[in-house]
Protein backbone atom coordinates (compact mmCIF):
# COMPACT_ATOMS: atom_id res chain seq x y z
CA MET A 1 307.96 114.25 221.42
CA GLU A 2 311.65 113.72 220.25
CA ARG A 3 311.06 110.16 219.93
CA LYS A 4 307.92 110.16 218.08
CA ALA A 5 309.47 112.93 215.76
CA ARG A 6 312.56 110.73 215.20
CA SER A 7 310.46 107.38 214.09
CA PRO A 8 309.46 108.66 211.00
CA SER A 9 312.82 109.65 209.99
CA ARG A 10 314.05 105.85 211.26
CA GLU A 11 311.43 104.33 208.65
CA ARG A 12 312.65 106.35 205.95
CA HIS A 13 315.96 105.07 206.76
CA ARG A 14 315.33 101.42 206.93
CA ARG A 15 313.32 101.73 203.74
CA SER A 16 315.93 103.14 202.01
CA ARG A 17 318.37 100.46 203.05
CA ALA A 18 316.20 97.49 202.14
CA SER A 19 315.11 99.42 198.45
CA PRO A 20 318.77 98.39 196.90
CA GLY A 21 318.04 95.17 198.01
CA GLU A 22 314.81 94.46 196.47
CA SER A 23 315.54 96.50 193.21
CA GLY A 24 318.71 93.95 192.96
CA ARG A 25 316.36 91.10 193.33
CA ALA A 26 313.89 92.12 191.15
CA LYS A 27 316.81 93.30 188.24
CA ALA A 28 318.26 89.24 188.99
CA GLY A 29 314.96 88.13 188.26
CA ARG A 30 314.63 89.87 185.14
CA SER A 31 317.97 88.89 183.98
CA ALA A 32 317.10 85.11 184.66
CA GLY A 33 314.12 85.42 182.72
CA GLY A 34 315.86 86.93 179.84
CA ARG A 35 318.26 83.92 179.66
CA GLY A 36 315.55 81.59 180.07
CA ARG A 37 314.04 82.90 176.74
CA ARG A 38 317.43 83.33 174.80
CA GLU A 39 318.15 79.95 175.93
CA ALA A 40 314.57 78.46 174.69
CA GLY A 41 315.34 80.37 171.29
CA PRO A 42 312.98 83.29 169.93
CA GLU A 43 309.21 83.09 170.48
CA ARG A 44 307.33 82.20 167.40
CA PRO A 45 304.35 84.20 166.57
CA ARG A 46 301.16 82.71 167.31
CA PRO A 47 298.94 81.96 164.39
CA GLN A 48 295.89 84.38 164.57
CA PRO A 49 292.76 82.85 163.70
CA THR A 50 291.78 83.83 160.20
CA ALA A 51 288.01 84.25 159.60
CA THR A 52 286.63 81.34 157.37
CA PRO A 53 283.94 82.01 155.02
CA ALA A 54 280.54 80.80 156.62
CA GLU A 55 279.78 77.44 154.95
CA PRO A 56 276.04 77.93 153.84
CA ARG A 57 273.90 75.88 155.86
CA ALA A 58 271.05 73.36 154.06
CA PRO A 59 267.87 74.27 155.00
CA ALA A 60 265.99 72.15 157.57
CA ALA A 61 263.64 69.74 155.64
CA THR A 62 259.79 71.05 156.40
CA VAL A 63 256.99 68.65 156.00
CA VAL A 64 253.84 70.60 154.33
CA ASP A 65 250.44 69.35 154.59
CA VAL A 66 248.96 69.64 151.33
CA ASP A 67 245.50 69.21 152.37
CA GLU A 68 245.85 71.91 154.96
CA VAL A 69 246.96 74.54 152.51
CA ARG A 70 244.28 73.75 150.09
CA GLY A 71 242.05 74.29 152.98
CA SER A 72 243.28 77.34 154.13
CA GLY A 73 243.34 78.69 150.73
CA GLU A 74 239.87 77.62 150.12
CA GLU A 75 238.67 79.01 153.67
CA GLY A 76 240.48 82.30 152.57
CA THR A 77 238.98 82.53 149.12
CA GLU A 78 235.38 81.72 150.54
CA VAL A 79 235.71 84.71 153.24
CA VAL A 80 236.73 87.22 150.77
CA ALA A 81 234.33 86.19 148.12
CA LEU A 82 231.66 86.43 151.37
CA LEU A 83 232.84 89.96 152.09
CA GLU A 84 232.22 90.96 148.39
CA SER A 85 228.90 89.58 148.46
CA GLU A 86 227.85 91.42 151.29
CA ARG A 87 227.83 94.62 149.26
CA PRO A 88 225.07 93.64 147.21
CA GLU A 89 224.41 96.99 145.15
CA GLU A 90 227.65 97.13 143.42
CA GLY A 91 228.31 96.38 139.90
CA THR A 92 231.24 94.79 138.30
CA LYS A 93 233.77 96.82 136.52
CA SER A 94 233.63 96.87 132.61
CA SER A 95 235.67 98.40 129.51
CA GLY A 96 234.85 101.79 128.61
CA LEU A 97 233.11 102.84 125.27
CA GLY A 98 234.90 103.51 122.29
CA ALA A 99 234.63 106.68 120.02
CA CYS A 100 231.97 105.66 117.83
CA GLU A 101 230.03 104.39 120.29
CA TRP A 102 230.45 107.61 122.20
CA LEU A 103 229.10 109.19 118.88
CA LEU A 104 225.97 107.09 119.11
CA VAL A 105 225.39 108.09 122.72
CA LEU A 106 225.57 111.78 121.49
CA ALA A 107 223.57 111.62 118.85
CA SER A 108 221.02 109.70 120.97
CA LEU A 109 220.99 112.08 123.53
CA LEU A 110 220.34 115.00 120.86
CA PHE A 111 217.56 113.21 119.44
CA ILE A 112 215.94 112.82 122.82
CA ILE A 113 216.28 116.81 123.22
CA VAL A 114 214.91 117.70 120.06
CA THR A 115 211.96 115.33 120.60
CA PHE A 116 211.70 116.00 124.35
CA PRO A 117 208.08 115.79 125.07
CA LEU A 118 207.47 112.42 123.36
CA SER A 119 210.84 110.74 123.84
CA ILE A 120 210.23 111.62 127.68
CA TRP A 121 208.04 108.30 127.65
CA PHE A 122 210.28 105.99 126.12
CA CYS A 123 213.48 106.95 128.28
CA ILE A 124 212.01 106.54 131.98
CA LYS A 125 211.13 102.71 133.40
CA VAL A 126 209.74 102.05 137.04
CA VAL A 127 211.35 99.10 139.01
CA GLN A 128 209.39 97.79 141.96
CA GLU A 129 210.64 97.50 145.56
CA TYR A 130 211.64 93.83 145.40
CA GLU A 131 213.55 94.13 141.98
CA ARG A 132 216.98 95.66 140.51
CA VAL A 133 217.96 96.53 137.23
CA ILE A 134 221.15 96.04 135.23
CA ILE A 135 221.83 98.16 132.54
CA PHE A 136 223.84 97.20 129.43
CA ARG A 137 225.01 100.12 126.87
CA LEU A 138 225.73 98.89 123.59
CA GLY A 139 226.55 95.65 125.30
CA HIS A 140 228.74 97.01 128.35
CA LEU A 141 227.84 96.57 131.91
CA LEU A 142 227.17 100.23 133.26
CA PRO A 143 229.74 100.84 136.13
CA GLY A 144 227.85 101.61 139.36
CA ARG A 145 225.48 99.84 141.41
CA ALA A 146 222.24 98.17 140.15
CA LYS A 147 219.01 100.50 139.45
CA GLY A 148 215.98 100.75 141.62
CA PRO A 149 213.44 100.73 143.31
CA GLY A 150 211.85 103.52 141.51
CA LEU A 151 212.24 105.58 138.00
CA PHE A 152 215.35 105.11 136.01
CA PHE A 153 216.56 106.39 132.95
CA LEU A 154 217.97 104.54 129.54
CA LEU A 155 218.76 105.70 126.14
CA PRO A 156 216.67 104.41 123.46
CA CYS A 157 217.79 101.95 120.74
CA LEU A 158 221.15 101.60 122.84
CA ASP A 159 220.49 100.42 126.28
CA THR A 160 218.81 96.84 127.17
CA TYR A 161 218.00 96.46 130.69
CA HIS A 162 217.45 93.06 132.76
CA LYS A 163 215.30 92.70 135.88
CA VAL A 164 216.49 90.61 139.02
CA ASP A 165 213.83 89.49 141.38
CA LEU A 166 215.27 89.73 144.98
CA ARG A 167 212.57 87.89 146.60
CA LEU A 168 213.21 84.34 148.16
CA GLN A 169 213.40 81.75 145.50
CA THR A 170 212.43 77.72 146.41
CA LEU A 171 214.17 75.22 144.62
CA GLU A 172 213.24 71.39 144.80
CA ILE A 173 216.32 68.99 144.30
CA PRO A 174 214.69 65.74 143.18
CA PHE A 175 215.86 62.24 144.34
CA HIS A 176 219.37 61.13 143.81
CA GLU A 177 221.51 58.78 144.78
CA VAL A 178 223.94 58.79 147.81
CA VAL A 179 226.53 56.51 149.25
CA THR A 180 226.98 56.50 153.22
CA LYS A 181 229.88 55.62 155.13
CA ASP A 182 228.48 52.15 155.55
CA MET A 183 228.41 51.56 152.12
CA PHE A 184 224.61 51.65 151.89
CA ILE A 185 222.91 53.26 148.62
CA MET A 186 219.90 55.73 149.36
CA GLU A 187 218.19 58.20 147.75
CA ILE A 188 217.45 61.67 149.15
CA ASP A 189 215.59 64.55 147.81
CA ALA A 190 215.84 68.25 149.40
CA VAL A 191 214.15 71.82 149.62
CA CYS A 192 216.77 74.67 149.04
CA TYR A 193 215.83 78.48 149.68
CA TYR A 194 218.05 80.84 148.10
CA ARG A 195 217.67 84.85 147.02
CA MET A 196 219.70 87.11 144.58
CA GLU A 197 221.99 89.42 146.54
CA ASN A 198 224.24 91.04 144.02
CA ALA A 199 222.42 91.33 140.31
CA SER A 200 225.35 92.69 138.59
CA LEU A 201 227.76 89.97 139.44
CA LEU A 202 224.85 87.27 139.08
CA LEU A 203 223.89 88.40 135.59
CA SER A 204 227.69 88.32 134.69
CA SER A 205 228.22 85.01 135.89
CA LEU A 206 225.41 82.66 135.65
CA ALA A 207 223.51 81.84 132.64
CA GLN A 208 220.95 79.51 134.16
CA VAL A 209 220.73 80.16 138.07
CA SER A 210 218.17 77.17 139.03
CA LYS A 211 220.30 74.32 137.03
CA ALA A 212 223.43 75.54 138.83
CA VAL A 213 221.99 75.97 142.20
CA GLN A 214 220.48 72.56 141.67
CA PHE A 215 223.36 70.75 140.98
CA LEU A 216 225.80 72.32 143.41
CA VAL A 217 223.28 71.31 146.16
CA GLN A 218 223.68 67.64 144.70
CA THR A 219 226.99 67.21 144.56
CA THR A 220 227.55 68.94 148.00
CA MET A 221 225.19 66.53 149.52
CA LYS A 222 226.80 63.61 147.89
CA ARG A 223 230.13 64.97 149.17
CA LEU A 224 228.85 65.51 153.21
CA LEU A 225 226.93 62.63 153.57
CA ALA A 226 229.63 60.13 152.33
CA HIS A 227 231.00 60.93 156.03
CA ARG A 228 228.03 60.01 157.75
CA SER A 229 226.44 56.29 158.39
CA LEU A 230 222.81 55.85 157.72
CA THR A 231 221.87 55.89 161.32
CA GLU A 232 223.40 59.40 161.60
CA ILE A 233 221.51 60.71 158.37
CA LEU A 234 218.04 59.16 159.65
CA LEU A 235 219.06 61.00 163.03
CA GLU A 236 220.35 64.38 162.44
CA ARG A 237 218.95 65.73 159.58
CA LYS A 238 218.79 69.12 161.03
CA THR A 239 222.54 69.10 161.65
CA ILE A 240 223.08 67.97 158.01
CA ALA A 241 221.03 70.35 156.44
CA GLN A 242 222.53 73.11 158.21
CA ASP A 243 226.14 71.98 157.42
CA VAL A 244 225.02 71.59 153.47
CA LYS A 245 224.05 75.21 154.00
CA VAL A 246 227.01 76.65 155.07
CA ALA A 247 228.93 74.76 152.46
CA LEU A 248 226.72 75.91 149.74
CA ASP A 249 226.90 79.75 150.68
CA SER A 250 230.66 79.53 150.50
CA VAL A 251 230.17 78.93 147.13
CA THR A 252 227.24 80.71 145.51
CA CYS A 253 228.48 84.27 147.48
CA ILE A 254 231.22 84.35 144.77
CA TRP A 255 227.65 83.86 142.04
CA GLY A 256 226.09 86.74 144.02
CA ILE A 257 223.46 84.18 145.53
CA LYS A 258 222.71 83.95 149.32
CA VAL A 259 221.27 80.69 150.51
CA GLU A 260 219.03 80.80 153.05
CA ARG A 261 217.99 77.57 154.00
CA THR A 262 218.13 73.92 153.09
CA GLU A 263 215.87 71.05 154.20
CA ILE A 264 216.11 67.16 153.49
CA LYS A 265 212.57 65.84 152.71
CA ASP A 266 212.61 62.13 152.30
CA VAL A 267 215.01 59.42 152.57
CA ARG A 268 214.52 56.49 150.39
CA LEU A 269 216.02 52.94 151.32
CA PRO A 270 216.70 50.19 148.46
CA ALA A 271 214.24 47.44 147.85
CA GLY A 272 216.82 44.69 149.50
CA LEU A 273 217.64 46.91 152.34
CA GLN A 274 214.15 47.54 153.16
CA HIS A 275 213.45 43.79 152.99
CA SER A 276 216.23 43.06 155.72
CA LEU A 277 215.52 45.42 157.69
CA ALA A 278 211.65 44.39 157.94
CA VAL A 279 212.90 40.59 158.33
CA GLU A 280 215.28 42.18 161.05
CA ALA A 281 212.37 43.42 162.67
CA GLU A 282 210.06 40.72 162.56
CA ALA A 283 212.54 38.69 164.22
CA GLN A 284 213.04 41.10 167.10
CA ARG A 285 209.34 41.07 167.35
CA GLN A 286 208.86 37.38 167.68
CA ALA A 287 212.07 37.35 170.25
CA LYS A 288 210.33 39.76 172.19
CA VAL A 289 207.07 37.87 172.33
CA ARG A 290 208.57 34.96 173.64
CA CYS A 291 210.63 36.64 176.33
CA ARG A 292 207.09 38.63 177.64
CA GLY A 293 205.26 34.60 177.41
CA ALA A 294 208.51 33.11 179.47
CA ALA A 295 208.38 36.30 182.01
CA LYS A 296 204.60 35.47 182.45
CA ILE A 297 204.93 31.78 183.06
CA TYR A 298 208.06 31.83 185.47
CA CYS A 299 205.96 34.74 187.38
CA GLN A 300 203.36 32.71 188.20
CA PRO A 301 203.14 30.82 191.84
CA LEU A 302 203.87 27.69 192.35
CA PRO A 303 200.86 24.77 192.39
CA LYS A 304 200.48 23.13 195.93
CA SER A 305 200.02 19.87 194.57
CA GLY A 306 202.03 18.27 191.54
CA GLY A 307 205.60 20.19 192.12
CA TRP A 308 207.60 21.03 189.20
CA GLY A 309 205.77 18.27 187.11
CA ALA A 310 202.60 20.20 186.82
CA LEU A 311 204.31 23.29 186.32
CA GLU A 312 206.51 21.75 183.41
CA ARG A 313 203.21 20.08 182.01
CA GLY A 314 201.62 23.49 181.96
CA TYR A 315 204.56 24.89 180.36
């Protein structure tokens, strides 16, 4: 027990002896470092990095396809127009009436009230189920939906109305020339089925509906058939008609017209092309007849006497 109690004291004594030497070494090292720094001279302050203004980067060059931009813009306008045309009964916005016009309207209402039993027969009209009526009051298109079917009210001497037939209309497209992809000139006629969908928009945008639709069908068919060959036009009429219908509907919806269907009736080829095709068909027919005769001769059995000479004489 006494040895164990003395051992901690001995260790403390040893540490106290060793500590002066270690402290002296540390002091010597510090003094040596200070001398070396003095000999080397005073330290120069390190230059701190200064924040340089960021140089403007040149924008990266981008390549834009004009056709894609135009195509996306056209598709966007077509979609918007198609959505707007799905509201067949909404009218277009018009400017309001002026002070003098309102005075005339009040005078007309007063006249109707004074002569009520008789004036009512001039103020009420009837619209059929398949019709819609657009009313113009002193030249201004009345806001709201088209009137009908049934009864509607108008002011005599101030209001004028136009009826629009919503039933399916048929338009025959006369023969017109078309240049195909393989540079053949041909004539095509077609039939277009359409109906009026937005009466207000139709009356405010088109003067002659049939002519506008006819010219649009002709130009659309010329543009689409220019990317197809003669063989494709003759064999894929249904596909071509569907493409023409979609292209027409994307344009006519802005006018308030809905294209239901288009059909290609007949295809006329030029006289020179018909003659060349007829000559080629006749040559193919003669070649087929010769091949058939040669096949019959080669299928005959060989004669017993005479050998190949008799066969050659018979040929």
